[in-house]
């Protein structure tokens, strides 16, 4: 990571990304939640998101993704 000063454009992009996420989490928290608590919730939600992403990309078994075949779930198949 470079220690050069960020440009205003880089700061603006980073702030836009951060505050979009912050505002989203804040709207889902109870009224009066502190900024510190919102930041904690953001961290927990991000960790859950990363864990979910990791779980979706794991392939179990010896056959790679190109060799897998989709098997319909019994609960979601339509009966004739």
Protein backbone atom coordinates (compact mmCIF):
# COMPACT_ATOMS: atom_id res chain seq x y z
CA UNK A 1 0.00 0.00 0.00
CA UNK A 2 1.42 3.36 -0.96
CA UNK A 3 1.65 6.19 1.52
CA UNK A 4 1.19 8.90 -1.12
CA UNK A 5 -1.58 11.35 -0.38
CA UNK A 6 -4.92 10.46 -1.92
CA UNK A 7 -6.37 12.76 -4.54
CA UNK A 8 -9.74 14.39 -3.99
CA UNK A 9 -11.18 12.07 -6.64
CA UNK A 10 -9.88 9.01 -4.78
CA UNK A 11 -11.23 10.34 -1.48
CA UNK A 12 -14.59 11.08 -3.09
CA UNK A 13 -14.82 7.56 -4.54
CA UNK A 14 -13.88 6.01 -1.19
CA UNK A 15 -16.34 8.21 0.71
CA UNK A 16 -19.14 7.41 -1.74
CA UNK A 17 -18.52 3.68 -1.28
CA UNK A 18 -18.22 3.92 2.51
CA UNK A 19 -21.23 6.14 3.14
CA UNK A 20 -23.48 4.11 0.84
CA UNK A 21 -22.72 1.07 2.99
CA UNK A 22 -22.88 3.04 6.25
CA UNK A 23 -26.25 4.58 5.36
CA UNK A 24 -27.64 1.18 4.36
CA UNK A 25 -26.66 -0.38 7.69
CA UNK A 26 -27.82 2.70 9.65
CA UNK A 27 -31.32 2.46 8.15
CA UNK A 28 -31.60 -1.10 9.46
CA UNK A 29 -30.47 -0.26 13.00
CA UNK A 30 -32.77 1.03 15.73
CA UNK A 31 -33.13 4.79 15.95
CA UNK A 32 -30.48 6.33 18.17
CA UNK A 33 -27.82 3.69 17.45
CA UNK A 34 -24.37 5.21 17.94
CA UNK A 35 -21.91 5.58 15.09
CA UNK A 36 -19.55 3.24 16.93
CA UNK A 37 -22.23 0.54 17.08
CA UNK A 38 -23.12 1.05 13.40
CA UNK A 39 -19.46 0.55 12.49
CA UNK A 40 -19.39 -2.65 14.56
CA UNK A 41 -22.50 -3.90 12.78
CA UNK A 42 -20.92 -3.06 9.41
CA UNK A 43 -17.91 -5.17 10.36
CA UNK A 44 -20.07 -8.13 11.40
CA UNK A 45 -22.22 -7.89 8.27
CA UNK A 46 -19.11 -7.72 6.07
CA UNK A 47 -17.69 -10.82 7.76
CA UNK A 48 -20.95 -12.69 7.19
CA UNK A 49 -20.92 -11.58 3.55
CA UNK A 50 -17.36 -12.80 3.05
CA UNK A 51 -18.21 -16.12 4.73
CA UNK A 52 -21.29 -16.54 2.51
CA UNK A 53 -19.23 -15.74 -0.59
CA UNK A 54 -16.61 -18.29 0.47
CA UNK A 55 -19.25 -20.96 1.09
CA UNK A 56 -20.79 -20.41 -2.35
CA UNK A 57 -17.49 -20.78 -4.18
CA UNK A 58 -16.33 -23.98 -2.49
CA UNK A 59 -16.51 -27.15 -4.56
CA UNK A 60 -16.68 -30.38 -2.59
CA UNK A 61 -15.50 -33.59 -4.17
CA UNK A 62 -13.07 -34.59 -6.87
CA UNK A 63 -14.90 -33.24 -9.90
CA UNK A 64 -14.23 -29.61 -10.81
CA UNK A 65 -16.98 -27.08 -11.54
CA UNK A 66 -16.97 -27.92 -15.26
CA UNK A 67 -17.79 -31.57 -14.50
CA UNK A 68 -20.63 -30.98 -12.06
CA UNK A 69 -24.23 -31.56 -13.00
CA UNK A 70 -27.17 -29.81 -11.42
CA UNK A 71 -29.49 -32.13 -9.53
CA UNK A 72 -32.98 -30.74 -9.00
CA UNK A 73 -34.01 -30.21 -5.41
CA UNK A 74 -37.04 -32.35 -4.53
CA UNK A 75 -38.70 -29.40 -2.81
CA UNK A 76 -38.45 -27.12 -5.84
CA UNK A 77 -39.39 -29.52 -8.64
CA UNK A 78 -42.87 -29.22 -10.06
CA UNK A 79 -45.07 -32.26 -10.00
CA UNK A 80 -47.11 -33.06 -13.13
